[in-house]
Amino acid sequence: MEEANSRAHAPASPRLLPWPNPEGKPCYLVTDNSGGYLSRLADDLEATQLATGTDVLTHAREGLADPMSPYAEVRYAGIRLAECLTDALRVAESRGMRLPAPKAEDDMGDVGAPQHARRGPRA
């Protein structure tokens, strides 16, 4: 019960949103309601960005596999891949910021393990 109460009064950490502000700087949402309108909108846009990245990667691979692909097509694929990678990195950063911090006793059990071996798989 104490843990639930401490979470209820803990300040919300800012969520990196999947779009920049008009100046190109990161946008953050500070709320204690993860199911609010902007949170759901951000979740939907993240899903769309990742799906678009998958589609662009598929088409880029097709174009790059053909040695006769015109320069303009290869350049366009590269530009789109860079855009999609930017989006995917922002999604990864945002989701990483929202992962719970490991408990102190969890880290103490793996003192001899390398840093990368201490972390579990991320979804």
N, C-alpha and C. Protein backbone atom coordinates (compact mmCIF):
# COMPACT_ATOMS: atom_id res chain seq x y z
N MET A 1 0.81 -1.19 0.00
CA MET A 1 0.00 0.00 0.00
C MET A 1 0.86 1.26 0.00
N GLU A 2 1.97 1.21 0.74
CA GLU A 2 2.86 2.36 0.78
C GLU A 2 3.40 2.68 -0.60
N GLU A 3 3.76 1.64 -1.36
CA GLU A 3 4.33 1.85 -2.69
C GLU A 3 3.34 2.56 -3.60
N ALA A 4 2.07 2.18 -3.54
CA ALA A 4 1.04 2.82 -4.36
C ALA A 4 0.90 4.28 -3.96
N ASN A 5 0.93 4.58 -2.66
CA ASN A 5 0.81 5.96 -2.22
C ASN A 5 2.02 6.79 -2.63
N SER A 6 3.23 6.20 -2.57
CA SER A 6 4.42 6.96 -2.96
C SER A 6 4.39 7.25 -4.45
N ARG A 7 3.84 6.35 -5.26
CA ARG A 7 3.73 6.60 -6.70
C ARG A 7 2.71 7.70 -6.97
N ALA A 8 1.64 7.72 -6.20
CA ALA A 8 0.60 8.70 -6.43
C ALA A 8 1.09 10.11 -6.16
N HIS A 9 2.04 10.27 -5.23
CA HIS A 9 2.53 11.60 -4.89
C HIS A 9 3.86 11.94 -5.54
N ALA A 10 4.45 10.98 -6.26
CA ALA A 10 5.72 11.22 -6.93
C ALA A 10 5.48 12.15 -8.12
N PRO A 11 6.40 13.10 -8.33
CA PRO A 11 6.23 13.99 -9.48
C PRO A 11 6.38 13.21 -10.77
N ALA A 12 5.57 13.55 -11.75
CA ALA A 12 5.62 12.88 -13.05
C ALA A 12 6.88 13.33 -13.78
N SER A 13 7.57 12.38 -14.40
CA SER A 13 8.74 12.75 -15.20
C SER A 13 8.24 13.15 -16.58
N PRO A 14 8.93 14.07 -17.22
CA PRO A 14 8.48 14.53 -18.54
C PRO A 14 8.60 13.43 -19.58
N ARG A 15 7.64 13.37 -20.48
CA ARG A 15 7.66 12.42 -21.59
C ARG A 15 8.09 13.16 -22.84
N LEU A 16 9.11 12.62 -23.50
CA LEU A 16 9.53 13.17 -24.78
C LEU A 16 8.48 12.82 -25.82
N LEU A 17 7.94 13.82 -26.46
CA LEU A 17 6.90 13.60 -27.46
C LEU A 17 7.54 13.30 -28.82
N PRO A 18 6.84 12.58 -29.69
CA PRO A 18 7.42 12.16 -30.97
C PRO A 18 7.42 13.23 -32.05
N TRP A 19 7.30 14.49 -31.66
CA TRP A 19 7.37 15.57 -32.63
C TRP A 19 8.16 16.71 -32.02
N PRO A 20 8.88 17.48 -32.84
CA PRO A 20 9.61 18.63 -32.34
C PRO A 20 8.70 19.86 -32.31
N ASN A 21 9.15 20.90 -31.59
CA ASN A 21 8.40 22.16 -31.62
C ASN A 21 8.72 22.88 -32.93
N PRO A 22 8.10 24.01 -33.21
CA PRO A 22 8.34 24.70 -34.49
C PRO A 22 9.81 25.08 -34.73
N GLU A 23 10.59 25.23 -33.66
CA GLU A 23 12.01 25.55 -33.81
C GLU A 23 12.87 24.29 -33.97
N GLY A 24 12.23 23.11 -33.95
CA GLY A 24 12.95 21.87 -34.11
C GLY A 24 13.50 21.30 -32.81
N LYS A 25 13.13 21.90 -31.69
CA LYS A 25 13.60 21.43 -30.39
C LYS A 25 12.64 20.39 -29.83
N PRO A 26 13.11 19.55 -28.90
CA PRO A 26 12.23 18.51 -28.33
C PRO A 26 11.05 19.10 -27.57
N CYS A 27 9.93 18.39 -27.64
CA CYS A 27 8.73 18.74 -26.89
C CYS A 27 8.54 17.70 -25.79
N TYR A 28 8.13 18.16 -24.63
CA TYR A 28 7.90 17.26 -23.50
C TYR A 28 6.49 17.46 -22.97
N LEU A 29 5.93 16.38 -22.44
CA LEU A 29 4.63 16.40 -21.80
C LEU A 29 4.84 16.01 -20.34
N VAL A 30 4.37 16.85 -19.43
CA VAL A 30 4.43 16.53 -18.01
C VAL A 30 3.01 16.34 -17.52
N THR A 31 2.70 15.11 -17.13
CA THR A 31 1.37 14.78 -16.64
C THR A 31 1.45 13.55 -15.76
N ASP A 32 0.50 13.40 -14.88
CA ASP A 32 0.44 12.18 -14.08
C ASP A 32 -0.62 11.24 -14.63
N ASN A 33 -1.16 11.58 -15.81
CA ASN A 33 -2.20 10.78 -16.44
C ASN A 33 -1.67 10.23 -17.76
N SER A 34 -1.17 8.98 -17.73
CA SER A 34 -0.59 8.40 -18.95
C SER A 34 -1.64 8.02 -19.98
N GLY A 35 -2.93 8.09 -19.62
CA GLY A 35 -3.98 7.76 -20.56
C GLY A 35 -4.69 8.97 -21.11
N GLY A 36 -4.10 10.16 -20.94
CA GLY A 36 -4.71 11.39 -21.42
C GLY A 36 -4.65 11.50 -22.93
N TYR A 37 -5.34 12.51 -23.45
CA TYR A 37 -5.44 12.72 -24.89
C TYR A 37 -4.07 12.84 -25.55
N LEU A 38 -3.19 13.71 -25.03
CA LEU A 38 -1.89 13.90 -25.66
C LEU A 38 -1.02 12.64 -25.55
N SER A 39 -1.13 11.92 -24.45
CA SER A 39 -0.37 10.67 -24.32
C SER A 39 -0.82 9.65 -25.36
N ARG A 40 -2.13 9.53 -25.55
CA ARG A 40 -2.65 8.59 -26.55
C ARG A 40 -2.27 9.03 -27.96
N LEU A 41 -2.32 10.33 -28.21
CA LEU A 41 -1.92 10.86 -29.52
C LEU A 41 -0.45 10.56 -29.79
N ALA A 42 0.40 10.75 -28.78
CA ALA A 42 1.82 10.46 -28.92
C ALA A 42 2.04 8.97 -29.15
N ASP A 43 1.32 8.12 -28.42
CA ASP A 43 1.43 6.66 -28.62
C ASP A 43 1.07 6.28 -30.05
N ASP A 44 -0.03 6.84 -30.55
CA ASP A 44 -0.47 6.55 -31.92
C ASP A 44 0.55 7.02 -32.95
N LEU A 45 1.10 8.21 -32.74
CA LEU A 45 2.08 8.74 -33.69
C LEU A 45 3.36 7.91 -33.65
N GLU A 46 3.79 7.48 -32.46
CA GLU A 46 4.97 6.62 -32.37
C GLU A 46 4.75 5.32 -33.16
N ALA A 47 3.59 4.73 -33.02
CA ALA A 47 3.27 3.50 -33.75
C ALA A 47 3.30 3.75 -35.25
N THR A 48 2.75 4.86 -35.69
CA THR A 48 2.74 5.21 -37.11
C THR A 48 4.16 5.45 -37.61
N GLN A 49 4.97 6.15 -36.83
CA GLN A 49 6.35 6.42 -37.24
C GLN A 49 7.14 5.12 -37.40
N LEU A 50 6.97 4.19 -36.46
CA LEU A 50 7.70 2.93 -36.55
C LEU A 50 7.22 2.08 -37.73
N ALA A 51 5.92 2.09 -37.99
CA ALA A 51 5.39 1.35 -39.13
C ALA A 51 5.87 1.97 -40.45
N THR A 52 5.92 3.29 -40.51
CA THR A 52 6.43 3.97 -41.70
C THR A 52 7.89 3.62 -41.92
N GLY A 53 8.66 3.56 -40.84
CA GLY A 53 10.07 3.18 -40.94
C GLY A 53 10.24 1.80 -41.53
N THR A 54 9.39 0.87 -41.12
CA THR A 54 9.44 -0.49 -41.65
C THR A 54 9.15 -0.48 -43.15
N ASP A 55 8.13 0.26 -43.56
CA ASP A 55 7.77 0.34 -44.98
C ASP A 55 8.90 0.97 -45.81
N VAL A 56 9.45 2.07 -45.31
CA VAL A 56 10.52 2.76 -46.03
C VAL A 56 11.74 1.85 -46.15
N LEU A 57 12.06 1.12 -45.09
CA LEU A 57 13.20 0.20 -45.13
C LEU A 57 13.00 -0.88 -46.18
N THR A 58 11.79 -1.41 -46.27
CA THR A 58 11.49 -2.44 -47.27
C THR A 58 11.71 -1.90 -48.68
N HIS A 59 11.17 -0.71 -48.96
CA HIS A 59 11.31 -0.12 -50.30
C HIS A 59 12.76 0.29 -50.58
N ALA A 60 13.46 0.78 -49.57
CA ALA A 60 14.85 1.18 -49.76
C ALA A 60 15.71 -0.04 -50.09
N ARG A 61 15.47 -1.13 -49.40
CA ARG A 61 16.24 -2.35 -49.69
C ARG A 61 16.02 -2.81 -51.12
N GLU A 62 14.79 -2.72 -51.59
CA GLU A 62 14.50 -3.11 -52.97
C GLU A 62 15.27 -2.23 -53.95
N GLY A 63 15.24 -0.93 -53.72
CA GLY A 63 15.94 0.00 -54.62
C GLY A 63 17.44 -0.15 -54.55
N LEU A 64 17.97 -0.37 -53.37
CA LEU A 64 19.42 -0.51 -53.21
C LEU A 64 19.93 -1.85 -53.74
N ALA A 65 19.07 -2.85 -53.79
CA ALA A 65 19.47 -4.15 -54.31
C ALA A 65 19.62 -4.13 -55.82
N ASP A 66 18.99 -3.19 -56.48
CA ASP A 66 19.05 -3.08 -57.94
C ASP A 66 20.21 -2.15 -58.32
N PRO A 67 21.27 -2.70 -58.94
CA PRO A 67 22.41 -1.85 -59.29
C PRO A 67 22.07 -0.80 -60.36
N MET A 68 20.93 -0.95 -61.01
CA MET A 68 20.52 0.00 -62.05
C MET A 68 19.59 1.09 -61.51
N SER A 69 19.38 1.13 -60.20
CA SER A 69 18.51 2.16 -59.63
C SER A 69 19.09 3.54 -59.93
N PRO A 70 18.23 4.45 -60.36
CA PRO A 70 18.72 5.81 -60.64
C PRO A 70 19.21 6.50 -59.37
N TYR A 71 20.16 7.40 -59.55
CA TYR A 71 20.74 8.14 -58.43
C TYR A 71 19.66 8.84 -57.60
N ALA A 72 18.71 9.46 -58.27
CA ALA A 72 17.66 10.20 -57.56
C ALA A 72 16.84 9.28 -56.67
N GLU A 73 16.59 8.05 -57.11
CA GLU A 73 15.82 7.10 -56.32
C GLU A 73 16.62 6.66 -55.08
N VAL A 74 17.90 6.41 -55.27
CA VAL A 74 18.75 6.01 -54.15
C VAL A 74 18.88 7.17 -53.15
N ARG A 75 19.05 8.38 -53.66
CA ARG A 75 19.15 9.55 -52.79
C ARG A 75 17.85 9.75 -52.02
N TYR A 76 16.73 9.63 -52.67
CA TYR A 76 15.43 9.76 -52.00
C TYR A 76 15.29 8.70 -50.90
N ALA A 77 15.70 7.48 -51.19
CA ALA A 77 15.63 6.42 -50.18
C ALA A 77 16.50 6.77 -48.98
N GLY A 78 17.69 7.30 -49.24
CA GLY A 78 18.58 7.70 -48.14
C GLY A 78 17.99 8.80 -47.29
N ILE A 79 17.37 9.77 -47.92
CA ILE A 79 16.74 10.87 -47.19
C ILE A 79 15.60 10.35 -46.32
N ARG A 80 14.76 9.52 -46.90
CA ARG A 80 13.64 8.96 -46.13
C ARG A 80 14.12 8.07 -44.99
N LEU A 81 15.18 7.27 -45.24
CA LEU A 81 15.73 6.43 -44.18
C LEU A 81 16.26 7.29 -43.03
N ALA A 82 16.91 8.40 -43.35
CA ALA A 82 17.41 9.30 -42.30
C ALA A 82 16.25 9.89 -41.49
N GLU A 83 15.16 10.26 -42.16
CA GLU A 83 13.98 10.78 -41.45
C GLU A 83 13.41 9.71 -40.52
N CYS A 84 13.28 8.49 -41.03
CA CYS A 84 12.71 7.40 -40.23
C CYS A 84 13.61 7.03 -39.06
N LEU A 85 14.93 7.06 -39.28
CA LEU A 85 15.85 6.76 -38.19
C LEU A 85 15.76 7.83 -37.11
N THR A 86 15.62 9.08 -37.50
CA THR A 86 15.43 10.17 -36.53
C THR A 86 14.19 9.92 -35.69
N ASP A 87 13.10 9.55 -36.34
CA ASP A 87 11.86 9.26 -35.62
C ASP A 87 12.03 8.07 -34.69
N ALA A 88 12.66 7.00 -35.18
CA ALA A 88 12.83 5.79 -34.36
C ALA A 88 13.72 6.06 -33.15
N LEU A 89 14.76 6.86 -33.33
CA LEU A 89 15.63 7.20 -32.20
C LEU A 89 14.88 8.04 -31.16
N ARG A 90 14.02 8.93 -31.61
CA ARG A 90 13.23 9.73 -30.67
C ARG A 90 12.26 8.83 -29.90
N VAL A 91 11.63 7.87 -30.59
CA VAL A 91 10.73 6.93 -29.92
C VAL A 91 11.51 6.10 -28.90
N ALA A 92 12.68 5.62 -29.29
CA ALA A 92 13.50 4.82 -28.36
C ALA A 92 13.91 5.64 -27.15
N GLU A 93 14.31 6.87 -27.35
CA GLU A 93 14.69 7.74 -26.24
C GLU A 93 13.51 7.98 -25.31
N SER A 94 12.35 8.27 -25.89
CA SER A 94 11.16 8.53 -25.10
C SER A 94 10.78 7.31 -24.27
N ARG A 95 10.79 6.15 -24.89
CA ARG A 95 10.42 4.93 -24.17
C ARG A 95 11.46 4.57 -23.13
N GLY A 96 12.72 4.81 -23.43
CA GLY A 96 13.77 4.55 -22.46
C GLY A 96 13.64 5.43 -21.23
N MET A 97 13.23 6.68 -21.44
CA MET A 97 13.05 7.61 -20.32
C MET A 97 11.91 7.16 -19.42
N ARG A 98 10.97 6.41 -19.96
CA ARG A 98 9.80 5.98 -19.19
C ARG A 98 9.98 4.62 -18.52
N LEU A 99 11.12 3.97 -18.74
CA LEU A 99 11.38 2.69 -18.07
C LEU A 99 11.57 2.94 -16.58
N PRO A 100 11.08 2.04 -15.76
CA PRO A 100 11.28 2.23 -14.32
C PRO A 100 12.76 2.08 -13.96
N ALA A 101 13.19 2.85 -12.98
CA ALA A 101 14.57 2.76 -12.51
C ALA A 101 14.75 1.43 -11.80
N PRO A 102 15.89 0.77 -12.00
CA PRO A 102 16.11 -0.50 -11.31
C PRO A 102 16.21 -0.30 -9.81
N LYS A 103 15.74 -1.27 -9.06
CA LYS A 103 15.83 -1.21 -7.61
C LYS A 103 17.28 -1.47 -7.20
N ALA A 104 17.71 -0.91 -6.08
CA ALA A 104 19.09 -1.05 -5.62
C ALA A 104 19.45 -2.51 -5.39
N GLU A 105 18.55 -3.30 -4.82
CA GLU A 105 18.86 -4.71 -4.55
C GLU A 105 18.99 -5.52 -5.83
N ASP A 106 18.34 -5.09 -6.93
CA ASP A 106 18.48 -5.79 -8.21
C ASP A 106 19.90 -5.65 -8.74
N ASP A 107 20.49 -4.47 -8.62
CA ASP A 107 21.84 -4.24 -9.10
C ASP A 107 22.89 -4.95 -8.25
N MET A 108 22.67 -5.08 -6.97
CA MET A 108 23.66 -5.68 -6.07
C MET A 108 23.83 -7.17 -6.34
N GLY A 109 22.83 -7.84 -6.86
CA GLY A 109 22.92 -9.27 -7.11
C GLY A 109 23.84 -9.61 -8.27
N ASP A 110 24.12 -8.68 -9.15
CA ASP A 110 24.92 -8.92 -10.34
C ASP A 110 26.22 -8.13 -10.32
N VAL A 111 26.84 -8.00 -9.16
CA VAL A 111 28.02 -7.15 -9.03
C VAL A 111 29.12 -7.55 -10.00
N GLY A 112 29.34 -8.84 -10.20
CA GLY A 112 30.42 -9.28 -11.08
C GLY A 112 30.07 -9.29 -12.55
N ALA A 113 28.81 -9.11 -12.89
CA ALA A 113 28.39 -9.18 -14.29
C ALA A 113 28.71 -7.88 -15.01
N PRO A 114 29.06 -7.95 -16.29
CA PRO A 114 29.29 -6.73 -17.07
C PRO A 114 28.01 -5.90 -17.12
N GLN A 115 28.16 -4.60 -17.33
CA GLN A 115 27.03 -3.67 -17.33
C GLN A 115 25.94 -4.10 -18.30
N HIS A 116 26.31 -4.51 -19.53
CA HIS A 116 25.29 -4.87 -20.52
C HIS A 116 24.57 -6.16 -20.15
N ALA A 117 25.20 -7.01 -19.34
CA ALA A 117 24.57 -8.28 -18.96
C ALA A 117 23.55 -8.09 -17.84
N ARG A 118 23.60 -6.96 -17.15
CA ARG A 118 22.68 -6.71 -16.03
C ARG A 118 21.30 -6.32 -16.50
N ARG A 119 21.21 -5.80 -17.68
CA ARG A 119 19.93 -5.31 -18.18
C ARG A 119 19.18 -6.43 -18.86
N GLY A 120 17.88 -6.45 -18.64
CA GLY A 120 17.04 -7.44 -19.31
C GLY A 120 16.68 -6.98 -20.69
N PRO A 121 16.01 -7.82 -21.44
CA PRO A 121 15.58 -7.43 -22.79
C PRO A 121 14.53 -6.33 -22.73
N ARG A 122 14.58 -5.46 -23.69
CA ARG A 122 13.60 -4.37 -23.75
C ARG A 122 12.59 -4.67 -24.82
N ALA A 123 11.36 -4.34 -24.52
CA ALA A 123 10.29 -4.59 -25.49
C ALA A 123 10.05 -3.39 -26.34
